[in-house]
Amino acid sequence: MTDFFIPRKNTQDIWYKEPWMLLVLGGPVIVVIAATITGVIAWQGEDKVIAKDYYKQGLNINKDILRDDKASEYKMLANAQFDRASGKVLLQLEGKTVLPASILFSTASNSTASTYELIQKVKLQQVQPNIYEGKLNITSTSETLNATIWHVQIEADDWRLTADWLNPEQTSLKLKSLN
């Protein structure tokens, strides 16, 4: 019972060994570390395949809608096939108007190895009535041929047909008006 009345010397731990201090400072330190890691991930994972003229494309949306309506009015329909060995594109067109002199192929990639965007106009020649042929000038070693999605546009002044071509080597593409 005498121990109760004997004053003891207070022992104080070093400030960073105090549990309350670790609790108070631990939360903000964890938040700062998490924010830094999130910033690094966001900086390294930025989108790279974005059109450089996205603003102009946005302004042309109404024009494109009218051109899609015209393609529907003309009852436009096209079928495309690609032969990798010869690099030729065969296009069969149906509708109440004539085909423009060229069509536009574009493909893009954002892989870890490289980032590229290829846009190429293919000039077409009529080989039979409503059947056109053109040469896609891409070397066979190019990784563009290995791209699994191509964006195809057939555009005239007043109408257009557009579609995404999944795996162009193995499938044919059917282009029709969006409306």
Protein backbone atom coordinates (compact mmCIF):
# COMPACT_ATOMS: atom_id res chain seq x y z
CA MET A 1 0.00 0.00 0.00
CA THR A 2 2.88 2.33 0.46
CA ASP A 3 3.69 2.11 -3.24
CA PHE A 4 0.61 4.10 -3.93
CA PHE A 5 1.86 7.16 -2.17
CA ILE A 6 5.41 7.05 -3.47
CA PRO A 7 5.82 9.42 -6.38
CA ARG A 8 7.25 7.77 -9.47
CA LYS A 9 9.42 9.34 -12.08
CA ASN A 10 7.47 9.84 -15.31
CA THR A 11 9.13 8.10 -18.22
CA GLN A 12 8.53 9.65 -21.56
CA ASP A 13 9.11 7.85 -24.81
CA ILE A 14 10.67 9.54 -27.78
CA TRP A 15 8.07 11.53 -29.75
CA TYR A 16 8.03 9.22 -32.77
CA LYS A 17 7.45 6.18 -30.55
CA GLU A 18 4.26 7.61 -29.10
CA PRO A 19 1.24 5.72 -30.52
CA TRP A 20 -0.92 8.84 -30.74
CA MET A 21 1.68 10.70 -32.77
CA LEU A 22 1.93 7.83 -35.25
CA LEU A 23 -1.84 7.80 -35.54
CA VAL A 24 -2.02 11.56 -36.16
CA LEU A 25 0.78 11.71 -38.75
CA GLY A 26 0.24 8.28 -40.31
CA GLY A 27 -2.98 9.16 -42.15
CA PRO A 28 -1.65 12.23 -44.00
CA VAL A 29 1.59 10.43 -44.89
CA ILE A 30 -0.38 7.54 -46.43
CA VAL A 31 -2.54 10.00 -48.41
CA VAL A 32 0.52 11.80 -49.81
CA ILE A 33 2.12 8.50 -50.88
CA ALA A 34 -1.14 7.29 -52.51
CA ALA A 35 -1.55 10.61 -54.37
CA THR A 36 2.02 10.41 -55.67
CA ILE A 37 1.50 6.86 -56.93
CA THR A 38 -1.81 7.85 -58.57
CA GLY A 39 -0.13 10.80 -60.28
CA VAL A 40 2.64 8.59 -61.68
CA ILE A 41 0.10 6.08 -63.02
CA ALA A 42 -1.97 8.86 -64.62
CA TRP A 43 1.10 10.44 -66.22
CA GLN A 44 2.32 7.17 -67.73
CA GLY A 45 -1.10 5.97 -68.87
CA GLU A 46 -2.22 9.05 -70.77
CA ASP A 47 -4.24 8.56 -73.97
CA LYS A 48 -2.09 8.84 -77.06
CA VAL A 49 -4.52 7.95 -79.85
CA ILE A 50 -6.61 11.11 -79.97
CA ALA A 51 -7.29 13.05 -83.14
CA LYS A 52 -5.28 16.24 -83.30
CA ASP A 53 -8.19 18.10 -84.90
CA TYR A 54 -10.87 16.86 -82.51
CA TYR A 55 -12.41 20.33 -82.29
CA LYS A 56 -12.93 20.56 -86.06
CA GLN A 57 -14.40 17.06 -86.07
CA GLY A 58 -16.88 18.12 -83.42
CA LEU A 59 -17.95 21.10 -85.50
CA ASN A 60 -18.56 18.86 -88.53
CA ILE A 61 -20.95 16.47 -86.75
CA ASN A 62 -24.08 18.09 -88.20
CA LYS A 63 -22.59 17.98 -91.71
CA ASP A 64 -21.80 14.28 -91.25
CA ILE A 65 -25.35 13.53 -90.10
CA LEU A 66 -26.74 15.16 -93.25
CA ARG A 67 -24.30 13.17 -95.40
CA ASP A 68 -25.39 9.94 -93.67
CA ASP A 69 -29.03 10.84 -94.41
CA LYS A 70 -28.16 11.36 -98.09
CA ALA A 71 -26.48 7.93 -98.24
CA SER A 72 -29.66 6.43 -96.82
CA GLU A 73 -31.73 8.34 -99.38
CA TYR A 74 -29.51 7.03 -102.21
CA LYS A 75 -29.83 3.50 -100.72
CA MET A 76 -26.04 3.17 -100.64
CA LEU A 77 -24.52 -0.18 -99.74
CA ALA A 78 -20.96 -1.43 -100.22
CA ASN A 79 -19.12 -4.69 -99.59
CA ALA A 80 -15.33 -4.71 -99.23
CA GLN A 81 -12.75 -7.50 -99.23
CA PHE A 82 -9.01 -7.29 -98.63
CA ASP A 83 -6.34 -9.61 -100.02
CA ARG A 84 -3.15 -9.37 -97.96
CA ALA A 85 -0.96 -11.16 -100.49
CA SER A 86 -1.63 -8.66 -103.28
CA GLY A 87 -2.61 -5.72 -101.08
CA LYS A 88 -5.75 -5.20 -103.15
CA VAL A 89 -9.11 -4.02 -101.91
CA LEU A 90 -12.18 -5.14 -103.83
CA LEU A 91 -15.31 -3.01 -103.39
CA GLN A 92 -18.81 -3.75 -104.64
CA LEU A 93 -21.12 -0.74 -104.59
CA GLU A 94 -24.91 -0.58 -104.83
CA GLY A 95 -26.94 2.60 -104.88
CA LYS A 96 -28.36 5.43 -106.93
CA THR A 97 -25.12 7.38 -107.32
CA VAL A 98 -21.53 6.88 -108.44
CA LEU A 99 -18.54 6.02 -106.29
CA PRO A 100 -15.94 8.70 -105.59
CA ALA A 101 -12.45 8.27 -107.01
CA SER A 102 -10.93 7.16 -103.69
CA ILE A 103 -11.78 5.74 -100.29
CA LEU A 104 -10.10 6.40 -96.96
CA PHE A 105 -8.58 3.69 -94.75
CA SER A 106 -7.26 4.51 -91.29
CA THR A 107 -5.91 2.43 -88.45
CA ALA A 108 -4.32 3.33 -85.15
CA SER A 109 -2.49 1.53 -82.37
CA ASN A 110 -1.51 2.43 -78.85
CA SER A 111 0.51 -0.60 -77.84
CA THR A 112 3.37 -0.57 -75.36
CA ALA A 113 5.87 -1.04 -78.19
CA SER A 114 4.75 1.84 -80.39
CA THR A 115 2.05 4.36 -81.13
CA TYR A 116 1.04 5.09 -84.69
CA GLU A 117 -1.83 6.25 -86.83
CA LEU A 118 -1.97 5.46 -90.53
CA ILE A 119 -4.37 7.19 -92.88
CA GLN A 120 -4.31 6.28 -96.54
CA LYS A 121 -6.49 7.14 -99.52
CA VAL A 122 -6.92 4.28 -101.95
CA LYS A 123 -7.66 5.17 -105.57
CA LEU A 124 -10.25 2.90 -107.12
CA GLN A 125 -10.67 1.68 -110.68
CA GLN A 126 -13.81 0.10 -112.03
CA VAL A 127 -13.15 -3.51 -113.13
CA GLN A 128 -16.80 -4.50 -113.73
CA PRO A 129 -20.11 -2.70 -113.37
CA ASN A 130 -20.44 -1.68 -109.68
CA ILE A 131 -17.17 -3.46 -108.77
CA TYR A 132 -14.07 -1.44 -108.01
CA GLU A 133 -10.49 -2.39 -107.17
CA GLY A 134 -7.70 -0.48 -105.48
CA LYS A 135 -4.22 -1.08 -104.10
CA LEU A 136 -3.44 -0.46 -100.44
CA ASN A 137 0.23 0.65 -100.36
CA ILE A 138 1.43 -0.91 -97.12
CA THR A 139 4.51 -3.09 -96.84
CA SER A 140 3.80 -6.61 -95.67
CA THR A 141 6.23 -6.21 -92.76
CA SER A 142 4.30 -3.25 -91.39
CA GLU A 143 2.47 -3.80 -88.12
CA THR A 144 -0.45 -1.95 -89.69
CA LEU A 145 -1.46 -5.15 -91.43
CA ASN A 146 -1.56 -6.82 -88.03
CA ALA A 147 -4.01 -4.24 -86.71
CA THR A 148 -7.32 -5.85 -85.95
CA ILE A 149 -9.51 -2.79 -86.55
CA TRP A 150 -9.50 -0.50 -89.59
CA HIS A 151 -11.80 2.46 -90.01
CA VAL A 152 -13.13 2.73 -93.59
CA GLN A 153 -14.80 5.81 -95.09
CA ILE A 154 -16.27 6.19 -98.56
CA GLU A 155 -17.07 9.87 -98.98
CA ALA A 156 -18.50 11.99 -101.74
CA ASP A 157 -19.41 15.65 -101.50
CA ASP A 158 -23.00 14.99 -100.43
CA TRP A 159 -22.96 11.45 -98.93
CA ARG A 160 -20.72 9.09 -96.97
CA LEU A 161 -20.50 5.49 -95.81
CA THR A 162 -18.35 4.62 -92.82
CA ALA A 163 -17.66 1.50 -90.77
CA ASP A 164 -15.07 -0.21 -88.59
CA TRP A 165 -13.54 -3.32 -90.14
CA LEU A 166 -12.72 -5.97 -87.58
CA ASN A 167 -9.94 -8.33 -88.70
CA PRO A 168 -9.79 -7.30 -92.39
CA GLU A 169 -7.74 -10.31 -93.47
CA GLN A 170 -10.38 -12.86 -92.55
CA THR A 171 -13.70 -11.07 -92.92
CA SER A 172 -15.43 -8.93 -95.49
CA LEU A 173 -16.91 -5.55 -94.62
CA LYS A 174 -20.43 -4.38 -95.24
CA LEU A 175 -20.80 -0.60 -95.32
CA LYS A 176 -24.25 0.92 -95.10
CA SER A 177 -25.66 4.26 -94.10
CA LEU A 178 -25.81 4.89 -90.37
CA ASN A 179 -29.44 6.09 -90.50
